[in-house]
Every structure is written in C-alpha cells, then in structure tokens.
Amino acid sequence: MDQQGLELYGKAQRMAATDEVFRKEMLADPVSALEKLSDKKFPVGTKIKVIEQDPAYEATIVIPRFVGNEIDISELDNVAGGAVLVVPSTLVMTIVFVG
C-alpha cells in the first residue's frame, strides 16, 4: 500500500471510531465512504469488505486468499500487499491489492 493509501486507511480508522454516521456508511458502502473521504474515485468494480470488530474476541485476523501451488511463498510479496489494524471496539479494514 502506498503512502496515500496508508494515510486514507488511518483517517478512515480514526473516523470510524469516532463518527457514527461515517462508521455506518463504511459498513454499508465502504467504496463510497472512502471515495468521499479521499475526494477520489476508485476504479469501477472495486470491492472493499469492512468487518466490525466483535468485542467478544481479542483480535480479528484477515487471511489472504488461498493460492495453493500457484506461486512460490517467496513470490507472495510481489502479488499482494495490505494492512490490518486491530483496535478493540473499532472497525477492522483490510485493503489488499493484487496485481
């Protein structure tokens, strides 16, 4: 994730923890919420999944898609990147770019 992506990610995390209207929008339509927050359009067809942290669990872990034997483990960094932030009682958002 580039610097702009990290900044948007951090801003979205902070707002989702403190702004109930933004939080609800992130859960209902994350692409639209992030486009408004960044004043930028995402490519058509962009899908983002937002998961709300469940207070019954200490952590939420998002695992990458299964690639099986498609690639060598040493090549994994070349095809996927992302970030996960786990903070109790907030949203957990993972943005993964594959390409």
PDB file of N, CA and C in Angstrom:
ATOM      1  N   MET A   1       0.857  -1.162   0.000  1.00  0.00           N
ATOM      2  CA  MET A   1       0.000   0.000   0.000  1.00  0.00           C
ATOM      3  C   MET A   1       0.909   1.233   0.000  1.00  0.00           C
ATOM      4  N   ASP A   2       0.632   2.196  -0.854  1.00  0.00           N
ATOM      5  CA  ASP A   2       1.461   3.386  -0.930  1.00  0.00           C
ATOM      6  C   ASP A   2       1.121   4.348   0.218  1.00  0.00           C
ATOM      7  N   GLN A   3       1.873   5.434   0.320  1.00  0.00           N
ATOM      8  CA  GLN A   3       1.704   6.388   1.413  1.00  0.00           C
ATOM      9  C   GLN A   3       0.298   6.989   1.445  1.00  0.00           C
ATOM     10  N   GLN A   4      -0.252   7.322   0.274  1.00  0.00           N
ATOM     11  CA  GLN A   4      -1.613   7.875   0.236  1.00  0.00           C
ATOM     12  C   GLN A   4      -2.628   6.858   0.740  1.00  0.00           C
ATOM     13  N   GLY A   5      -2.448   5.598   0.374  1.00  0.00           N
ATOM     14  CA  GLY A   5      -3.334   4.540   0.840  1.00  0.00           C
ATOM     15  C   GLY A   5      -3.259   4.364   2.348  1.00  0.00           C
ATOM     16  N   LEU A   6      -2.039   4.416   2.890  1.00  0.00           N
ATOM     17  CA  LEU A   6      -1.869   4.305   4.340  1.00  0.00           C
ATOM     18  C   LEU A   6      -2.518   5.472   5.072  1.00  0.00           C
ATOM     19  N   GLU A   7      -2.369   6.677   4.502  1.00  0.00           N
ATOM     20  CA  GLU A   7      -2.980   7.854   5.126  1.00  0.00           C
ATOM     21  C   GLU A   7      -4.502   7.757   5.102  1.00  0.00           C
ATOM     22  N   LEU A   8      -5.064   7.333   3.981  1.00  0.00           N
ATOM     23  CA  LEU A   8      -6.518   7.168   3.878  1.00  0.00           C
ATOM     24  C   LEU A   8      -6.992   6.095   4.850  1.00  0.00           C
ATOM     25  N   TYR A   9      -6.264   5.003   4.926  1.00  0.00           N
ATOM     26  CA  TYR A   9      -6.582   3.909   5.842  1.00  0.00           C
ATOM     27  C   TYR A   9      -6.631   4.418   7.286  1.00  0.00           C
ATOM     28  N   GLY A  10      -5.608   5.158   7.688  1.00  0.00           N
ATOM     29  CA  GLY A  10      -5.555   5.696   9.051  1.00  0.00           C
ATOM     30  C   GLY A  10      -6.684   6.672   9.321  1.00  0.00           C
ATOM     31  N   LYS A  11      -6.958   7.540   8.358  1.00  0.00           N
ATOM     32  CA  LYS A  11      -8.041   8.512   8.514  1.00  0.00           C
ATOM     33  C   LYS A  11      -9.389   7.802   8.636  1.00  0.00           C
ATOM     34  N   ALA A  12      -9.608   6.783   7.819  1.00  0.00           N
ATOM     35  CA  ALA A  12     -10.863   6.029   7.875  1.00  0.00           C
ATOM     36  C   ALA A  12     -11.000   5.316   9.220  1.00  0.00           C
ATOM     37  N   GLN A  13      -9.920   4.755   9.728  1.00  0.00           N
ATOM     38  CA  GLN A  13      -9.945   4.090  11.025  1.00  0.00           C
ATOM     39  C   GLN A  13     -10.328   5.073  12.136  1.00  0.00           C
ATOM     40  N   ARG A  14      -9.693   6.241  12.129  1.00  0.00           N
ATOM     41  CA  ARG A  14      -9.979   7.247  13.170  1.00  0.00           C
ATOM     42  C   ARG A  14     -11.419   7.721  13.090  1.00  0.00           C
ATOM     43  N   MET A  15     -11.891   7.994  11.876  1.00  0.00           N
ATOM     44  CA  MET A  15     -13.264   8.486  11.726  1.00  0.00           C
ATOM     45  C   MET A  15     -14.281   7.414  12.101  1.00  0.00           C
ATOM     46  N   ALA A  16     -14.019   6.169  11.729  1.00  0.00           N
ATOM     47  CA  ALA A  16     -14.953   5.085  12.046  1.00  0.00           C
ATOM     48  C   ALA A  16     -15.062   4.854  13.548  1.00  0.00           C
ATOM     49  N   ALA A  17     -14.018   5.193  14.278  1.00  0.00           N
ATOM     50  CA  ALA A  17     -14.023   5.022  15.729  1.00  0.00           C
ATOM     51  C   ALA A  17     -14.741   6.165  16.444  1.00  0.00           C
ATOM     52  N   THR A  18     -14.923   7.305  15.752  1.00  0.00           N
ATOM     53  CA  THR A  18     -15.468   8.483  16.438  1.00  0.00           C
ATOM     54  C   THR A  18     -16.707   9.088  15.785  1.00  0.00           C
ATOM     55  N   ASP A  19     -16.983   8.750  14.533  1.00  0.00           N
ATOM     56  CA  ASP A  19     -18.102   9.341  13.794  1.00  0.00           C
ATOM     57  C   ASP A  19     -19.092   8.236  13.427  1.00  0.00           C
ATOM     58  N   GLU A  20     -20.222   8.188  14.130  1.00  0.00           N
ATOM     59  CA  GLU A  20     -21.177   7.093  13.938  1.00  0.00           C
ATOM     60  C   GLU A  20     -21.765   7.062  12.530  1.00  0.00           C
ATOM     61  N   VAL A  21     -22.008   8.223  11.936  1.00  0.00           N
ATOM     62  CA  VAL A  21     -22.561   8.276  10.578  1.00  0.00           C
ATOM     63  C   VAL A  21     -21.555   7.685   9.585  1.00  0.00           C
ATOM     64  N   PHE A  22     -20.293   8.088   9.698  1.00  0.00           N
ATOM     65  CA  PHE A  22     -19.255   7.551   8.811  1.00  0.00           C
ATOM     66  C   PHE A  22     -19.095   6.053   9.028  1.00  0.00           C
ATOM     67  N   ARG A  23     -19.118   5.617  10.272  1.00  0.00           N
ATOM     68  CA  ARG A  23     -18.991   4.196  10.602  1.00  0.00           C
ATOM     69  C   ARG A  23     -20.078   3.383   9.901  1.00  0.00           C
ATOM     70  N   LYS A  24     -21.318   3.843   9.983  1.00  0.00           N
ATOM     71  CA  LYS A  24     -22.428   3.142   9.341  1.00  0.00           C
ATOM     72  C   LYS A  24     -22.249   3.106   7.825  1.00  0.00           C
ATOM     73  N   GLU A  25     -21.767   4.199   7.248  1.00  0.00           N
ATOM     74  CA  GLU A  25     -21.531   4.235   5.801  1.00  0.00           C
ATOM     75  C   GLU A  25     -20.408   3.274   5.403  1.00  0.00           C
ATOM     76  N   MET A  26     -19.359   3.211   6.227  1.00  0.00           N
ATOM     77  CA  MET A  26     -18.259   2.281   5.944  1.00  0.00           C
ATOM     78  C   MET A  26     -18.757   0.837   5.935  1.00  0.00           C
ATOM     79  N   LEU A  27     -19.660   0.514   6.853  1.00  0.00           N
ATOM     80  CA  LEU A  27     -20.198  -0.846   6.912  1.00  0.00           C
ATOM     81  C   LEU A  27     -21.147  -1.129   5.750  1.00  0.00           C
ATOM     82  N   ALA A  28     -21.905  -0.127   5.338  1.00  0.00           N
ATOM     83  CA  ALA A  28     -22.907  -0.311   4.275  1.00  0.00           C
ATOM     84  C   ALA A  28     -22.316  -0.199   2.871  1.00  0.00           C
ATOM     85  N   ASP A  29     -21.417   0.767   2.659  1.00  0.00           N
ATOM     86  CA  ASP A  29     -20.870   1.029   1.324  1.00  0.00           C
ATOM     87  C   ASP A  29     -19.462   1.606   1.459  1.00  0.00           C
ATOM     88  N   PRO A  30     -18.479   0.753   1.750  1.00  0.00           N
ATOM     89  CA  PRO A  30     -17.132   1.254   2.007  1.00  0.00           C
ATOM     90  C   PRO A  30     -16.489   2.003   0.839  1.00  0.00           C
ATOM     91  N   VAL A  31     -16.760   1.582  -0.383  1.00  0.00           N
ATOM     92  CA  VAL A  31     -16.161   2.275  -1.527  1.00  0.00           C
ATOM     93  C   VAL A  31     -16.631   3.723  -1.573  1.00  0.00           C
ATOM     94  N   SER A  32     -17.929   3.928  -1.438  1.00  0.00           N
ATOM     95  CA  SER A  32     -18.485   5.280  -1.450  1.00  0.00           C
ATOM     96  C   SER A  32     -17.941   6.110  -0.288  1.00  0.00           C
ATOM     97  N   ALA A  33     -17.894   5.510   0.890  1.00  0.00           N
ATOM     98  CA  ALA A  33     -17.398   6.225   2.068  1.00  0.00           C
ATOM     99  C   ALA A  33     -15.950   6.659   1.877  1.00  0.00           C
ATOM    100  N   LEU A  34     -15.123   5.766   1.339  1.00  0.00           N
ATOM    101  CA  LEU A  34     -13.709   6.094   1.129  1.00  0.00           C
ATOM    102  C   LEU A  34     -13.520   7.092  -0.012  1.00  0.00           C
ATOM    103  N   GLU A  35     -14.376   7.018  -1.026  1.00  0.00           N
ATOM    104  CA  GLU A  35     -14.297   7.999  -2.111  1.00  0.00           C
ATOM    105  C   GLU A  35     -14.610   9.394  -1.579  1.00  0.00           C
ATOM    106  N   LYS A  36     -15.637   9.504  -0.739  1.00  0.00           N
ATOM    107  CA  LYS A  36     -15.981  10.803  -0.155  1.00  0.00           C
ATOM    108  C   LYS A  36     -14.852  11.315   0.737  1.00  0.00           C
ATOM    109  N   LEU A  37     -14.279  10.417   1.517  1.00  0.00           N
ATOM    110  CA  LEU A  37     -13.221  10.792   2.443  1.00  0.00           C
ATOM    111  C   LEU A  37     -11.966  11.265   1.713  1.00  0.00           C
ATOM    112  N   SER A  38     -11.678  10.654   0.575  1.00  0.00           N
ATOM    113  CA  SER A  38     -10.441  10.962  -0.154  1.00  0.00           C
ATOM    114  C   SER A  38     -10.628  11.940  -1.301  1.00  0.00           C
ATOM    115  N   ASP A  39     -11.882  12.231  -1.652  1.00  0.00           N
ATOM    116  CA  ASP A  39     -12.181  13.062  -2.829  1.00  0.00           C
ATOM    117  C   ASP A  39     -11.592  12.460  -4.104  1.00  0.00           C
ATOM    118  N   LYS A  40     -11.512  11.134  -4.149  1.00  0.00           N
ATOM    119  CA  LYS A  40     -11.002  10.429  -5.327  1.00  0.00           C
ATOM    120  C   LYS A  40     -11.951   9.289  -5.653  1.00  0.00           C
ATOM    121  N   LYS A  41     -12.006   8.924  -6.921  1.00  0.00           N
ATOM    122  CA  LYS A  41     -12.828   7.805  -7.379  1.00  0.00           C
ATOM    123  C   LYS A  41     -11.968   6.543  -7.452  1.00  0.00           C
ATOM    124  N   PHE A  42     -12.546   5.435  -7.011  1.00  0.00           N
ATOM    125  CA  PHE A  42     -11.898   4.143  -7.157  1.00  0.00           C
ATOM    126  C   PHE A  42     -12.272   3.595  -8.534  1.00  0.00           C
ATOM    127  N   PRO A  43     -11.475   2.692  -9.080  1.00  0.00           N
ATOM    128  CA  PRO A  43     -11.817   2.094 -10.366  1.00  0.00           C
ATOM    129  C   PRO A  43     -13.180   1.389 -10.293  1.00  0.00           C
ATOM    130  N   VAL A  44     -13.912   1.420 -11.389  1.00  0.00           N
ATOM    131  CA  VAL A  44     -15.211   0.757 -11.463  1.00  0.00           C
ATOM    132  C   VAL A  44     -15.034  -0.716 -11.087  1.00  0.00           C
ATOM    133  N   GLY A  45     -15.917  -1.216 -10.262  1.00  0.00           N
ATOM    134  CA  GLY A  45     -15.864  -2.615  -9.856  1.00  0.00           C
ATOM    135  C   GLY A  45     -15.031  -2.885  -8.613  1.00  0.00           C
ATOM    136  N   THR A  46     -14.440  -1.836  -8.031  1.00  0.00           N
ATOM    137  CA  THR A  46     -13.650  -2.016  -6.811  1.00  0.00           C
ATOM    138  C   THR A  46     -14.542  -2.558  -5.708  1.00  0.00           C
ATOM    139  N   LYS A  47     -14.059  -3.581  -5.016  1.00  0.00           N
ATOM    140  CA  LYS A  47     -14.791  -4.168  -3.895  1.00  0.00           C
ATOM    141  C   LYS A  47     -13.936  -4.058  -2.641  1.00  0.00           C
ATOM    142  N   ILE A  48     -14.523  -3.590  -1.565  1.00  0.00           N
ATOM    143  CA  ILE A  48     -13.840  -3.485  -0.282  1.00  0.00           C
ATOM    144  C   ILE A  48     -14.759  -4.069   0.771  1.00  0.00           C
ATOM    145  N   LYS A  49     -14.224  -4.949   1.584  1.00  0.00           N
ATOM    146  CA  LYS A  49     -15.004  -5.565   2.656  1.00  0.00           C
ATOM    147  C   LYS A  49     -14.540  -4.984   3.983  1.00  0.00           C
ATOM    148  N   VAL A  50     -15.478  -4.502   4.775  1.00  0.00           N
ATOM    149  CA  VAL A  50     -15.183  -3.945   6.089  1.00  0.00           C
ATOM    150  C   VAL A  50     -15.839  -4.850   7.121  1.00  0.00           C
ATOM    151  N   ILE A  51     -15.096  -5.206   8.144  1.00  0.00           N
ATOM    152  CA  ILE A  51     -15.578  -6.081   9.208  1.00  0.00           C
ATOM    153  C   ILE A  51     -15.512  -5.312  10.519  1.00  0.00           C
ATOM    154  N   GLU A  52     -16.609  -5.302  11.230  1.00  0.00           N
ATOM    155  CA  GLU A  52     -16.630  -4.630  12.528  1.00  0.00           C
ATOM    156  C   GLU A  52     -16.035  -5.554  13.584  1.00  0.00           C
ATOM    157  N   GLN A  53     -15.132  -5.001  14.386  1.00  0.00           N
ATOM    158  CA  GLN A  53     -14.507  -5.771  15.456  1.00  0.00           C
ATOM    159  C   GLN A  53     -15.570  -6.257  16.430  1.00  0.00           C
ATOM    160  N   ASP A  54     -15.565  -7.545  16.722  1.00  0.00           N
ATOM    161  CA  ASP A  54     -16.508  -8.147  17.669  1.00  0.00           C
ATOM    162  C   ASP A  54     -15.878  -8.072  19.059  1.00  0.00           C
ATOM    163  N   PRO A  55     -16.526  -7.384  19.998  1.00  0.00           N
ATOM    164  CA  PRO A  55     -15.933  -7.230  21.330  1.00  0.00           C
ATOM    165  C   PRO A  55     -15.783  -8.559  22.089  1.00  0.00           C
ATOM    166  N   ALA A  56     -16.407  -9.623  21.606  1.00  0.00           N
ATOM    167  CA  ALA A  56     -16.272 -10.925  22.250  1.00  0.00           C
ATOM    168  C   ALA A  56     -14.917 -11.570  21.942  1.00  0.00           C
ATOM    169  N   TYR A  57     -14.184 -11.004  20.978  1.00  0.00           N
ATOM    170  CA  TYR A  57     -12.887 -11.549  20.575  1.00  0.00           C
ATOM    171  C   TYR A  57     -11.801 -10.516  20.813  1.00  0.00           C
ATOM    172  N   GLU A  58     -10.613 -10.990  21.174  1.00  0.00           N
ATOM    173  CA  GLU A  58      -9.486 -10.088  21.409  1.00  0.00           C
ATOM    174  C   GLU A  58      -8.871  -9.571  20.116  1.00  0.00           C
ATOM    175  N   ALA A  59      -9.041 -10.325  19.037  1.00  0.00           N
ATOM    176  CA  ALA A  59      -8.426  -9.933  17.763  1.00  0.00           C
ATOM    177  C   ALA A  59      -9.244 -10.463  16.592  1.00  0.00           C
ATOM    178  N   THR A  60      -9.115  -9.782  15.477  1.00  0.00           N
ATOM    179  CA  THR A  60      -9.668 -10.231  14.211  1.00  0.00           C
ATOM    180  C   THR A  60      -8.492 -10.375  13.256  1.00  0.00           C
ATOM    181  N   ILE A  61      -8.370 -11.518  12.641  1.00  0.00           N
ATOM    182  CA  ILE A  61      -7.265 -11.764  11.717  1.00  0.00           C
ATOM    183  C   ILE A  61      -7.856 -12.011  10.334  1.00  0.00           C
ATOM    184  N   VAL A  62      -7.376 -11.275   9.360  1.00  0.00           N
ATOM    185  CA  VAL A  62      -7.808 -11.453   7.985  1.00  0.00           C
ATOM    186  C   VAL A  62      -6.686 -12.185   7.260  1.00  0.00           C
ATOM    187  N   ILE A  63      -7.028 -13.346   6.706  1.00  0.00           N
ATOM    188  CA  ILE A  63      -6.022 -14.125   5.995  1.00  0.00           C
ATOM    189  C   ILE A  63      -6.163 -13.870   4.494  1.00  0.00           C
ATOM    190  N   PRO A  64      -5.060 -14.011   3.745  1.00  0.00           N
ATOM    191  CA  PRO A  64      -5.127 -13.762   2.304  1.00  0.00           C
ATOM    192  C   PRO A  64      -5.871 -14.887   1.589  1.00  0.00           C
ATOM    193  N   ARG A  65      -6.220 -14.633   0.339  1.00  0.00           N
ATOM    194  CA  ARG A  65      -6.891 -15.663  -0.451  1.00  0.00           C
ATOM    195  C   ARG A  65      -5.959 -16.863  -0.584  1.00  0.00           C
ATOM    196  N   PHE A  66      -6.538 -18.035  -0.741  1.00  0.00           N
ATOM    197  CA  PHE A  66      -5.751 -19.245  -0.908  1.00  0.00           C
ATOM    198  C   PHE A  66      -5.165 -19.281  -2.313  1.00  0.00           C
ATOM    199  N   VAL A  67      -3.859 -19.479  -2.414  1.00  0.00           N
ATOM    200  CA  VAL A  67      -3.208 -19.536  -3.721  1.00  0.00           C
ATOM    201  C   VAL A  67      -2.637 -20.913  -4.009  1.00  0.00           C
ATOM    202  N   GLY A  68      -2.664 -21.789  -3.020  1.00  0.00           N
ATOM    203  CA  GLY A  68      -2.187 -23.153  -3.233  1.00  0.00           C
ATOM    204  C   GLY A  68      -0.803 -23.182  -3.821  1.00  0.00           C
ATOM    205  N   ASN A  69      -0.638 -23.945  -4.872  1.00  0.00           N
ATOM    206  CA  ASN A  69       0.659 -24.085  -5.527  1.00  0.00           C
ATOM    207  C   ASN A  69       0.828 -23.129  -6.694  1.00  0.00           C
ATOM    208  N   GLU A  70      -0.067 -22.145  -6.807  1.00  0.00           N
ATOM    209  CA  GLU A  70       0.023 -21.209  -7.928  1.00  0.00           C
ATOM    210  C   GLU A  70       1.332 -20.438  -7.937  1.00  0.00           C
ATOM    211  N   ILE A  71       1.794 -20.061  -6.718  1.00  0.00           N
ATOM    212  CA  ILE A  71       3.033 -19.292  -6.623  1.00  0.00           C
ATOM    213  C   ILE A  71       3.881 -19.834  -5.486  1.00  0.00           C
ATOM    214  N   ASP A  72       5.161 -19.554  -5.561  1.00  0.00           N
ATOM    215  CA  ASP A  72       6.088 -19.905  -4.501  1.00  0.00           C
ATOM    216  C   ASP A  72       5.931 -18.900  -3.369  1.00  0.00           C
ATOM    217  N   ILE A  73       6.061 -19.336  -2.127  1.00  0.00           N
ATOM    218  CA  ILE A  73       5.898 -18.457  -0.966  1.00  0.00           C
ATOM    219  C   ILE A  73       6.817 -17.237  -1.044  1.00  0.00           C
ATOM    220  N   SER A  74       7.997 -17.385  -1.645  1.00  0.00           N
ATOM    221  CA  SER A  74       8.922 -16.258  -1.762  1.00  0.00           C
ATOM    222  C   SER A  74       8.401 -15.185  -2.721  1.00  0.00           C
ATOM    223  N   GLU A  75       7.455 -15.545  -3.580  1.00  0.00           N
ATOM    224  CA  GLU A  75       6.886 -14.601  -4.544  1.00  0.00           C
ATOM    225  C   GLU A  75       5.659 -13.866  -3.996  1.00  0.00           C
ATOM    226  N   LEU A  76       5.171 -14.267  -2.825  1.00  0.00           N
ATOM    227  CA  LEU A  76       3.928 -13.731  -2.295  1.00  0.00           C
ATOM    228  C   LEU A  76       3.959 -12.211  -2.133  1.00  0.00           C
ATOM    229  N   ASP A  77       5.081 -11.655  -1.685  1.00  0.00           N
ATOM    230  CA  ASP A  77       5.170 -10.205  -1.513  1.00  0.00           C
ATOM    231  C   ASP A  77       5.004  -9.450  -2.821  1.00  0.00           C
ATOM    232  N   ASN A  78       5.281 -10.101  -3.944  1.00  0.00           N
ATOM    233  CA  ASN A  78       5.155  -9.438  -5.234  1.00  0.00           C
ATOM    234  C   ASN A  78       3.721  -9.347  -5.735  1.00  0.00           C
ATOM    235  N   VAL A  79       2.813 -10.146  -5.170  1.00  0.00           N
ATOM    236  CA  VAL A  79       1.443 -10.155  -5.679  1.00  0.00           C
ATOM    237  C   VAL A  79       0.413  -9.618  -4.716  1.00  0.00           C
ATOM    238  N   ALA A  80       0.734  -9.466  -3.457  1.00  0.00           N
ATOM    239  CA  ALA A  80      -0.263  -8.989  -2.500  1.00  0.00           C
ATOM    240  C   ALA A  80       0.393  -8.087  -1.483  1.00  0.00           C
ATOM    241  N   GLY A  81      -0.354  -7.101  -1.102  1.00  0.00           N
ATOM    242  CA  GLY A  81       0.078  -6.209  -0.041  1.00  0.00           C
ATOM    243  C   GLY A  81      -1.150  -5.733   0.668  1.00  0.00           C
ATOM    244  N   GLY A  82      -1.004  -5.249   1.873  1.00  0.00           N
ATOM    245  CA  GLY A  82      -2.189  -4.789   2.585  1.00  0.00           C
ATOM    246  C   GLY A  82      -1.829  -4.394   3.989  1.00  0.00           C
ATOM    247  N   ALA A  83      -2.843  -4.093   4.762  1.00  0.00           N
ATOM    248  CA  ALA A  83      -2.617  -3.690   6.139  1.00  0.00           C
ATOM    249  C   ALA A  83      -3.828  -4.084   6.955  1.00  0.00           C
ATOM    250  N   VAL A  84      -3.564  -4.421   8.191  1.00  0.00           N
ATOM    251  CA  VAL A  84      -4.646  -4.735   9.112  1.00  0.00           C
ATOM    252  C   VAL A  84      -4.363  -4.010  10.407  1.00  0.00           C
ATOM    253  N   LEU A  85      -5.346  -3.375  10.949  1.00  0.00           N
ATOM    254  CA  LEU A  85      -5.219  -2.713  12.235  1.00  0.00           C
ATOM    255  C   LEU A  85      -6.309  -3.266  13.120  1.00  0.00           C
ATOM    256  N   VAL A  86      -5.926  -3.808  14.261  1.00  0.00           N
ATOM    257  CA  VAL A  86      -6.903  -4.369  15.181  1.00  0.00           C
ATOM    258  C   VAL A  86      -6.921  -3.492  16.423  1.00  0.00           C
ATOM    259  N   VAL A  87      -8.027  -2.834  16.647  1.00  0.00           N
ATOM    260  CA  VAL A  87      -8.210  -1.987  17.806  1.00  0.00           C
ATOM    261  C   VAL A  87      -9.543  -2.372  18.423  1.00  0.00           C
ATOM    262  N   PRO A  88      -9.577  -2.720  19.698  1.00  0.00           N
ATOM    263  CA  PRO A  88     -10.843  -3.140  20.292  1.00  0.00           C
ATOM    264  C   PRO A  88     -11.970  -2.144  20.047  1.00  0.00           C
ATOM    265  N   SER A  89     -13.138  -2.684  19.719  1.00  0.00           N
ATOM    266  CA  SER A  89     -14.368  -1.911  19.523  1.00  0.00           C
ATOM    267  C   SER A  89     -14.325  -0.946  18.352  1.00  0.00           C
ATOM    268  N   THR A  90     -13.493  -1.207  17.358  1.00  0.00           N
ATOM    269  CA  THR A  90     -13.479  -0.376  16.153  1.00  0.00           C
ATOM    270  C   THR A  90     -13.642  -1.271  14.939  1.00  0.00           C
ATOM    271  N   LEU A  91     -13.620  -0.649  13.771  1.00  0.00           N
ATOM    272  CA  LEU A  91     -13.687  -1.421  12.532  1.00  0.00           C
ATOM    273  C   LEU A  91     -12.330  -2.010  12.213  1.00  0.00           C
ATOM    274  N   VAL A  92     -12.340  -3.134  11.584  1.00  0.00           N
ATOM    275  CA  VAL A  92     -11.114  -3.719  11.052  1.00  0.00           C
ATOM    276  C   VAL A  92     -11.258  -3.684   9.550  1.00  0.00           C
ATOM    277  N   MET A  93     -10.317  -3.066   8.896  1.00  0.00           N
ATOM    278  CA  MET A  93     -10.406  -2.900   7.459  1.00  0.00           C
ATOM    279  C   MET A  93      -9.118  -3.399   6.845  1.00  0.00           C
ATOM    280  N   THR A  94      -9.224  -4.226   5.869  1.00  0.00           N
ATOM    281  CA  THR A  94      -8.053  -4.706   5.152  1.00  0.00           C
ATOM    282  C   THR A  94      -8.208  -4.315   3.695  1.00  0.00           C
ATOM    283  N   ILE A  95      -7.197  -3.672   3.187  1.00  0.00           N
ATOM    284  CA  ILE A  95      -7.182  -3.317   1.773  1.00  0.00           C
ATOM    285  C   ILE A  95      -6.047  -4.123   1.164  1.00  0.00           C
ATOM    286  N   VAL A  96      -6.376  -5.018   0.260  1.00  0.00           N
ATOM    287  CA  VAL A  96      -5.378  -5.870  -0.368  1.00  0.00           C
ATOM    288  C   VAL A  96      -5.376  -5.582  -1.856  1.00  0.00           C
ATOM    289  N   PHE A  97      -4.215  -5.285  -2.388  1.00  0.00           N
ATOM    290  CA  PHE A  97      -4.054  -5.031  -3.803  1.00  0.00           C
ATOM    291  C   PHE A  97      -3.365  -6.233  -4.416  1.00  0.00           C
ATOM    292  N   VAL A  98      -3.949  -6.831  -5.407  1.00  0.00           N
ATOM    293  CA  VAL A  98      -3.358  -7.983  -6.078  1.00  0.00           C
ATOM    294  C   VAL A  98      -3.114  -7.594  -7.524  1.00  0.00           C
ATOM    295  N   GLY A  99      -1.941  -7.850  -7.998  1.00  0.00           N
ATOM    296  CA  GLY A  99      -1.672  -7.497  -9.378  1.00  0.00           C
ATOM    297  C   GLY A  99      -0.318  -7.892  -9.829  1.00  0.00           C
TER     298      GLY A  99
END
